[in-house]
Every structure is written in structure tokens, then in C-alpha cells.
Amino acid sequence: MESQELKKELSATLDARRELGPEYEAALVDSFVEKVDTQVRRRLAEERLAAARGTAPGAPDSPDGNFGERFGFAIITLVLAIPLSAIGAAQANLSGLIVAWIGILGVNYVHATKFRRRHRDGRAAGQLD
């Protein structure tokens, strides 16, 4: 959407240059460059704010903003749980299976608390602003 606005501004600037002539070219270029600079500064500020919050620019400020990463991690751990369960059960019967699943659950718990902590810290920082 911002690029559409810049295209319209550029078109308007070029039309104005054709109508006004080359004597106003410097002023028109300065005006257009100032508008581009304003948009670039605004985008940089948004990116800095998103980086400070620990989110991607434009991402929702919620734990659902990291759904893809969390879902992918869950799928990978479930896929790896199959051979780990087989190895644990083959080597140490039920106790080996239990140990394997305690490890799997522990890794998933640590991963989930990382996202909760990041969301809680980001929300607290947003309230201080």
C-alpha cells in the first residue's frame, strides 16, 4: 500500500514538473525525496519497535504470532518420538520408554515456556510505553 502511495506521488511530481517546467525541478525533487525519507524512517521505526518486542514487523502481538514455529517444532518432536520410543523400549523395556517420553516432554515444555516468557516480556514492555 505504501509503494502505491509513492508511485502516485512520483507520478504527481513528474506531472507537476511537466506543467511547471525545469525551474521548479529542484523543489519538486526535494519534496518527493522528503516524502520517501519520511516513509523510510517510519518503516525503520516500526522494525526497531518490532525487534524490541521480539516480533516480526507486521506480526500480531500475541502468542499466535509464532504459531508456525511452534507447530513445526511439535511435528518434529512427534516424528522423532517414534524412533526414540522404539530405541528406549528395545533397550530398557518400559523404563526406557518412560525415560524417552520424559525427555520429549521436557524439551517441549522448555520450548513452550520460551514463547510464553517472550510474549509476557513483550506485553510488559508495551505497557511501559
N, C-alpha and C. Protein backbone atom coordinates (compact mmCIF):
# COMPACT_ATOMS: atom_id res chain seq x y z
N MET A 1 0.83 -1.19 0.00
CA MET A 1 0.00 0.00 0.00
C MET A 1 0.87 1.25 0.00
N GLU A 2 1.94 1.25 0.77
CA GLU A 2 2.82 2.41 0.81
C GLU A 2 3.50 2.62 -0.53
N SER A 3 3.85 1.53 -1.21
CA SER A 3 4.50 1.68 -2.51
C SER A 3 3.54 2.27 -3.53
N GLN A 4 2.24 1.96 -3.42
CA GLN A 4 1.24 2.56 -4.30
C GLN A 4 1.18 4.07 -4.07
N GLU A 5 1.25 4.48 -2.80
CA GLU A 5 1.23 5.91 -2.49
C GLU A 5 2.46 6.60 -3.07
N LEU A 6 3.62 5.94 -2.96
CA LEU A 6 4.84 6.53 -3.51
C LEU A 6 4.77 6.63 -5.03
N LYS A 7 4.18 5.63 -5.67
CA LYS A 7 4.03 5.68 -7.13
C LYS A 7 3.14 6.85 -7.53
N LYS A 8 2.07 7.05 -6.79
CA LYS A 8 1.17 8.18 -7.08
C LYS A 8 1.89 9.50 -6.86
N GLU A 9 2.69 9.59 -5.78
CA GLU A 9 3.44 10.81 -5.51
C GLU A 9 4.45 11.09 -6.62
N LEU A 10 5.13 10.02 -7.06
CA LEU A 10 6.11 10.19 -8.14
C LEU A 10 5.41 10.66 -9.42
N SER A 11 4.29 10.04 -9.72
CA SER A 11 3.54 10.44 -10.91
C SER A 11 3.09 11.90 -10.82
N ALA A 12 2.60 12.29 -9.65
CA ALA A 12 2.17 13.68 -9.46
C ALA A 12 3.35 14.63 -9.57
N THR A 13 4.50 14.23 -9.03
CA THR A 13 5.69 15.07 -9.11
C THR A 13 6.13 15.24 -10.56
N LEU A 14 6.11 14.15 -11.32
CA LEU A 14 6.51 14.24 -12.73
C LEU A 14 5.52 15.09 -13.53
N ASP A 15 4.23 14.94 -13.24
CA ASP A 15 3.22 15.77 -13.92
C ASP A 15 3.42 17.24 -13.59
N ALA A 16 3.70 17.51 -12.32
CA ALA A 16 3.93 18.91 -11.91
C ALA A 16 5.18 19.46 -12.59
N ARG A 17 6.21 18.64 -12.74
CA ARG A 17 7.44 19.10 -13.39
C ARG A 17 7.17 19.45 -14.85
N ARG A 18 6.33 18.64 -15.52
CA ARG A 18 5.99 18.91 -16.92
C ARG A 18 5.22 20.23 -17.05
N GLU A 19 4.32 20.46 -16.09
CA GLU A 19 3.50 21.67 -16.15
C GLU A 19 4.28 22.92 -15.75
N LEU A 20 5.11 22.79 -14.69
CA LEU A 20 5.79 23.96 -14.15
C LEU A 20 7.11 24.26 -14.87
N GLY A 21 7.71 23.25 -15.44
CA GLY A 21 8.97 23.48 -16.14
C GLY A 21 10.17 23.16 -15.28
N PRO A 22 11.35 23.22 -15.91
CA PRO A 22 12.58 22.82 -15.22
C PRO A 22 13.00 23.75 -14.08
N GLU A 23 12.48 24.97 -14.04
CA GLU A 23 12.91 25.89 -12.97
C GLU A 23 12.41 25.43 -11.59
N TYR A 24 11.36 24.62 -11.54
CA TYR A 24 10.84 24.13 -10.26
C TYR A 24 11.28 22.69 -9.97
N GLU A 25 12.14 22.15 -10.84
CA GLU A 25 12.54 20.75 -10.71
C GLU A 25 13.21 20.45 -9.38
N ALA A 26 14.11 21.29 -8.93
CA ALA A 26 14.82 21.06 -7.67
C ALA A 26 13.85 21.01 -6.49
N ALA A 27 12.90 21.92 -6.46
CA ALA A 27 11.94 21.96 -5.37
C ALA A 27 11.05 20.72 -5.40
N LEU A 28 10.64 20.30 -6.57
CA LEU A 28 9.79 19.12 -6.69
C LEU A 28 10.55 17.86 -6.26
N VAL A 29 11.80 17.74 -6.69
CA VAL A 29 12.61 16.58 -6.31
C VAL A 29 12.83 16.56 -4.80
N ASP A 30 13.14 17.71 -4.21
CA ASP A 30 13.32 17.80 -2.77
C ASP A 30 12.05 17.37 -2.02
N SER A 31 10.91 17.80 -2.51
CA SER A 31 9.64 17.44 -1.89
C SER A 31 9.41 15.93 -1.95
N PHE A 32 9.68 15.34 -3.13
CA PHE A 32 9.48 13.91 -3.27
C PHE A 32 10.45 13.12 -2.39
N VAL A 33 11.71 13.54 -2.37
CA VAL A 33 12.72 12.87 -1.54
C VAL A 33 12.34 12.96 -0.06
N GLU A 34 11.79 14.06 0.35
CA GLU A 34 11.36 14.23 1.74
C GLU A 34 10.23 13.24 2.08
N LYS A 35 9.31 13.03 1.15
CA LYS A 35 8.22 12.07 1.38
C LYS A 35 8.75 10.64 1.46
N VAL A 36 9.70 10.31 0.58
CA VAL A 36 10.31 8.98 0.62
C VAL A 36 11.07 8.80 1.93
N ASP A 37 11.81 9.81 2.33
CA ASP A 37 12.57 9.75 3.57
C ASP A 37 11.65 9.55 4.77
N THR A 38 10.52 10.22 4.79
CA THR A 38 9.55 10.06 5.88
C THR A 38 9.05 8.63 5.96
N GLN A 39 8.74 8.04 4.81
CA GLN A 39 8.25 6.65 4.82
C GLN A 39 9.35 5.68 5.24
N VAL A 40 10.57 5.91 4.80
CA VAL A 40 11.68 5.04 5.19
C VAL A 40 11.91 5.12 6.70
N ARG A 41 11.89 6.33 7.24
CA ARG A 41 12.08 6.50 8.69
C ARG A 41 10.96 5.82 9.48
N ARG A 42 9.72 5.90 8.97
CA ARG A 42 8.60 5.26 9.66
C ARG A 42 8.76 3.74 9.64
N ARG A 43 9.18 3.20 8.49
CA ARG A 43 9.39 1.75 8.40
C ARG A 43 10.50 1.29 9.33
N LEU A 44 11.58 2.06 9.39
CA LEU A 44 12.68 1.71 10.30
C LEU A 44 12.24 1.75 11.75
N ALA A 45 11.44 2.74 12.10
CA ALA A 45 10.93 2.83 13.46
C ALA A 45 10.04 1.64 13.80
N GLU A 46 9.21 1.22 12.84
CA GLU A 46 8.36 0.04 13.06
C GLU A 46 9.20 -1.21 13.24
N GLU A 47 10.25 -1.35 12.44
CA GLU A 47 11.12 -2.52 12.55
C GLU A 47 11.87 -2.52 13.87
N ARG A 48 12.35 -1.36 14.31
CA ARG A 48 13.03 -1.29 15.61
C ARG A 48 12.08 -1.64 16.74
N LEU A 49 10.86 -1.15 16.67
CA LEU A 49 9.88 -1.45 17.70
C LEU A 49 9.56 -2.94 17.70
N ALA A 50 9.41 -3.53 16.53
CA ALA A 50 9.14 -4.96 16.44
C ALA A 50 10.33 -5.77 16.98
N ALA A 51 11.55 -5.33 16.69
CA ALA A 51 12.72 -6.04 17.19
C ALA A 51 12.81 -5.92 18.70
N ALA A 52 12.45 -4.76 19.25
CA ALA A 52 12.47 -4.59 20.69
C ALA A 52 11.44 -5.47 21.37
N ARG A 53 10.32 -5.68 20.71
CA ARG A 53 9.27 -6.54 21.26
C ARG A 53 9.56 -8.01 21.00
N GLY A 54 10.47 -8.29 20.07
CA GLY A 54 10.79 -9.67 19.74
C GLY A 54 9.83 -10.29 18.75
N THR A 55 9.18 -9.47 17.96
CA THR A 55 8.25 -9.98 16.96
C THR A 55 8.69 -9.50 15.59
N ALA A 56 8.18 -10.14 14.61
CA ALA A 56 8.45 -9.71 13.25
C ALA A 56 7.58 -8.51 12.93
N PRO A 57 8.05 -7.60 12.05
CA PRO A 57 7.22 -6.47 11.68
C PRO A 57 5.92 -6.92 11.05
N GLY A 58 4.83 -6.38 11.50
CA GLY A 58 3.53 -6.72 10.96
C GLY A 58 2.92 -7.96 11.59
N ALA A 59 3.68 -8.67 12.43
CA ALA A 59 3.12 -9.85 13.07
C ALA A 59 2.22 -9.45 14.21
N PRO A 60 1.19 -10.20 14.47
CA PRO A 60 0.31 -9.87 15.59
C PRO A 60 1.05 -9.97 16.90
N ASP A 61 0.73 -9.12 17.85
CA ASP A 61 1.36 -9.11 19.15
C ASP A 61 0.64 -10.10 20.06
N SER A 62 0.77 -11.37 19.74
CA SER A 62 0.12 -12.41 20.51
C SER A 62 0.93 -13.68 20.39
N PRO A 63 0.67 -14.66 21.27
CA PRO A 63 1.41 -15.91 21.14
C PRO A 63 1.09 -16.62 19.83
N ASP A 64 -0.05 -16.32 19.22
CA ASP A 64 -0.39 -16.94 17.95
C ASP A 64 0.50 -16.46 16.82
N GLY A 65 1.22 -15.36 17.03
CA GLY A 65 2.12 -14.85 16.01
C GLY A 65 3.25 -15.81 15.71
N ASN A 66 3.56 -16.74 16.62
CA ASN A 66 4.61 -17.72 16.44
C ASN A 66 4.03 -19.11 16.21
N PHE A 67 2.82 -19.20 15.74
CA PHE A 67 2.15 -20.48 15.59
C PHE A 67 2.91 -21.41 14.67
N GLY A 68 3.40 -20.92 13.56
CA GLY A 68 4.11 -21.76 12.60
C GLY A 68 5.33 -22.42 13.20
N GLU A 69 6.11 -21.65 13.93
CA GLU A 69 7.31 -22.21 14.55
C GLU A 69 6.95 -23.22 15.62
N ARG A 70 5.96 -22.90 16.44
CA ARG A 70 5.55 -23.84 17.49
C ARG A 70 4.98 -25.12 16.89
N PHE A 71 4.16 -24.99 15.85
CA PHE A 71 3.56 -26.16 15.20
C PHE A 71 4.64 -27.03 14.56
N GLY A 72 5.58 -26.40 13.89
CA GLY A 72 6.67 -27.14 13.28
C GLY A 72 7.50 -27.89 14.30
N PHE A 73 7.78 -27.24 15.42
CA PHE A 73 8.55 -27.89 16.48
C PHE A 73 7.79 -29.09 17.02
N ALA A 74 6.48 -28.95 17.22
CA ALA A 74 5.67 -30.07 17.72
C ALA A 74 5.68 -31.24 16.74
N ILE A 75 5.56 -30.95 15.45
CA ILE A 75 5.57 -32.02 14.44
C ILE A 75 6.92 -32.74 14.44
N ILE A 76 8.00 -31.98 14.51
CA ILE A 76 9.33 -32.59 14.50
C ILE A 76 9.53 -33.47 15.72
N THR A 77 9.11 -33.01 16.90
CA THR A 77 9.29 -33.83 18.10
C THR A 77 8.43 -35.09 18.04
N LEU A 78 7.24 -35.00 17.46
CA LEU A 78 6.41 -36.21 17.33
C LEU A 78 7.04 -37.20 16.36
N VAL A 79 7.60 -36.70 15.28
CA VAL A 79 8.26 -37.59 14.32
C VAL A 79 9.48 -38.26 14.97
N LEU A 80 10.25 -37.49 15.71
CA LEU A 80 11.42 -38.06 16.38
C LEU A 80 11.04 -38.93 17.57
N ALA A 81 9.84 -38.77 18.10
CA ALA A 81 9.41 -39.58 19.24
C ALA A 81 9.28 -41.05 18.85
N ILE A 82 8.96 -41.34 17.60
CA ILE A 82 8.77 -42.73 17.17
C ILE A 82 10.07 -43.53 17.31
N PRO A 83 11.17 -43.09 16.69
CA PRO A 83 12.40 -43.89 16.86
C PRO A 83 12.94 -43.85 18.29
N LEU A 84 12.79 -42.71 18.97
CA LEU A 84 13.27 -42.64 20.36
C LEU A 84 12.50 -43.60 21.25
N SER A 85 11.19 -43.70 21.02
CA SER A 85 10.38 -44.65 21.80
C SER A 85 10.80 -46.08 21.50
N ALA A 86 11.05 -46.38 20.24
CA ALA A 86 11.46 -47.74 19.86
C ALA A 86 12.81 -48.10 20.47
N ILE A 87 13.75 -47.16 20.41
CA ILE A 87 15.08 -47.43 20.98
C ILE A 87 14.98 -47.59 22.48
N GLY A 88 14.24 -46.69 23.15
CA GLY A 88 14.11 -46.79 24.60
C GLY A 88 13.44 -48.08 25.03
N ALA A 89 12.38 -48.47 24.34
CA ALA A 89 11.67 -49.70 24.70
C ALA A 89 12.52 -50.94 24.39
N ALA A 90 13.29 -50.89 23.30
CA ALA A 90 14.12 -52.05 22.94
C ALA A 90 15.28 -52.23 23.90
N GLN A 91 15.82 -51.12 24.39
CA GLN A 91 17.00 -51.20 25.25
C GLN A 91 16.65 -51.45 26.72
N ALA A 92 15.54 -50.83 27.19
CA ALA A 92 15.26 -50.93 28.63
C ALA A 92 13.78 -51.16 28.91
N ASN A 93 13.06 -51.72 27.97
CA ASN A 93 11.63 -52.03 28.14
C ASN A 93 10.82 -50.80 28.52
N LEU A 94 9.91 -50.96 29.49
CA LEU A 94 9.01 -49.87 29.86
C LEU A 94 9.76 -48.68 30.46
N SER A 95 10.78 -48.94 31.26
CA SER A 95 11.53 -47.83 31.87
C SER A 95 12.23 -47.00 30.80
N GLY A 96 12.76 -47.64 29.78
CA GLY A 96 13.40 -46.90 28.68
C GLY A 96 12.39 -46.06 27.91
N LEU A 97 11.19 -46.61 27.69
CA LEU A 97 10.13 -45.86 27.02
C LEU A 97 9.72 -44.65 27.84
N ILE A 98 9.62 -44.83 29.15
CA ILE A 98 9.24 -43.71 30.04
C ILE A 98 10.31 -42.63 30.03
N VAL A 99 11.57 -43.03 30.09
CA VAL A 99 12.66 -42.05 30.08
C VAL A 99 12.67 -41.28 28.75
N ALA A 100 12.45 -41.97 27.64
CA ALA A 100 12.42 -41.29 26.34
C ALA A 100 11.30 -40.26 26.31
N TRP A 101 10.12 -40.64 26.79
CA TRP A 101 8.99 -39.70 26.74
C TRP A 101 9.15 -38.57 27.75
N ILE A 102 9.80 -38.79 28.87
CA ILE A 102 10.08 -37.69 29.80
C ILE A 102 11.01 -36.68 29.13
N GLY A 103 11.99 -37.17 28.38
CA GLY A 103 12.88 -36.27 27.64
C GLY A 103 12.14 -35.49 26.57
N ILE A 104 11.26 -36.17 25.84
CA ILE A 104 10.48 -35.49 24.80
C ILE A 104 9.58 -34.42 25.40
N LEU A 105 8.91 -34.77 26.48
CA LEU A 105 8.03 -33.79 27.15
C LEU A 105 8.84 -32.63 27.72
N GLY A 106 10.03 -32.92 28.26
CA GLY A 106 10.87 -31.86 28.81
C GLY A 106 11.31 -30.85 27.75
N VAL A 107 11.70 -31.36 26.59
CA VAL A 107 12.12 -30.47 25.50
C VAL A 107 10.94 -29.60 25.06
N ASN A 108 9.77 -30.20 24.92
CA ASN A 108 8.59 -29.43 24.51
C ASN A 108 8.19 -28.42 25.58
N TYR A 109 8.33 -28.76 26.84
CA TYR A 109 8.00 -27.83 27.92
C TYR A 109 8.92 -26.61 27.89
N VAL A 110 10.22 -26.85 27.74
CA VAL A 110 11.18 -25.74 27.68
C VAL A 110 10.88 -24.85 26.48
N HIS A 111 10.57 -25.45 25.35
CA HIS A 111 10.26 -24.68 24.15
C HIS A 111 9.00 -23.83 24.35
N ALA A 112 7.98 -24.41 24.97
CA ALA A 112 6.73 -23.69 25.20
C ALA A 112 6.91 -22.55 26.19
N THR A 113 7.71 -22.75 27.24
CA THR A 113 7.91 -21.67 28.22
C THR A 113 8.71 -20.53 27.63
N LYS A 114 9.58 -20.82 26.66
CA LYS A 114 10.33 -19.76 25.99
C LYS A 114 9.36 -18.79 25.29
N PHE A 115 8.35 -19.32 24.61
CA PHE A 115 7.37 -18.48 23.93
C PHE A 115 6.49 -17.73 24.91
N ARG A 116 6.11 -18.38 25.99
CA ARG A 116 5.29 -17.68 26.99
C ARG A 116 6.07 -16.52 27.61
N ARG A 117 7.33 -16.76 27.93
CA ARG A 117 8.16 -15.73 28.54
C ARG A 117 8.35 -14.56 27.58
N ARG A 118 8.61 -14.87 26.29
CA ARG A 118 8.80 -13.82 25.29
C ARG A 118 7.53 -12.99 25.15
N HIS A 119 6.37 -13.63 25.13
CA HIS A 119 5.11 -12.90 25.00
C HIS A 119 4.85 -12.05 26.23
N ARG A 120 5.11 -12.61 27.42
CA ARG A 120 4.89 -11.86 28.66
C ARG A 120 5.82 -10.65 28.72
N ASP A 121 7.10 -10.82 28.36
CA ASP A 121 8.04 -9.71 28.39
C ASP A 121 7.67 -8.65 27.36
N GLY A 122 7.23 -9.06 26.18
CA GLY A 122 6.83 -8.11 25.14
C GLY A 122 5.61 -7.33 25.55
N ARG A 123 4.65 -8.00 26.21
CA ARG A 123 3.43 -7.31 26.65
C ARG A 123 3.77 -6.32 27.76
N ALA A 124 4.67 -6.68 28.68
CA ALA A 124 5.06 -5.75 29.74
C ALA A 124 5.77 -4.54 29.17
N ALA A 125 6.65 -4.73 28.17
CA ALA A 125 7.35 -3.62 27.55
C ALA A 125 6.36 -2.71 26.84
N GLY A 126 5.35 -3.27 26.22
CA GLY A 126 4.34 -2.47 25.53
C GLY A 126 3.51 -1.63 26.49
N GLN A 127 3.31 -2.12 27.72
CA GLN A 127 2.54 -1.37 28.70
C GLN A 127 3.35 -0.21 29.26
N LEU A 128 4.68 -0.32 29.23
CA LEU A 128 5.51 0.74 29.77
C LEU A 128 5.58 1.93 28.80
N ASP A 129 5.36 1.70 27.52
CA ASP A 129 5.48 2.77 26.52
C ASP A 129 4.45 3.84 26.71
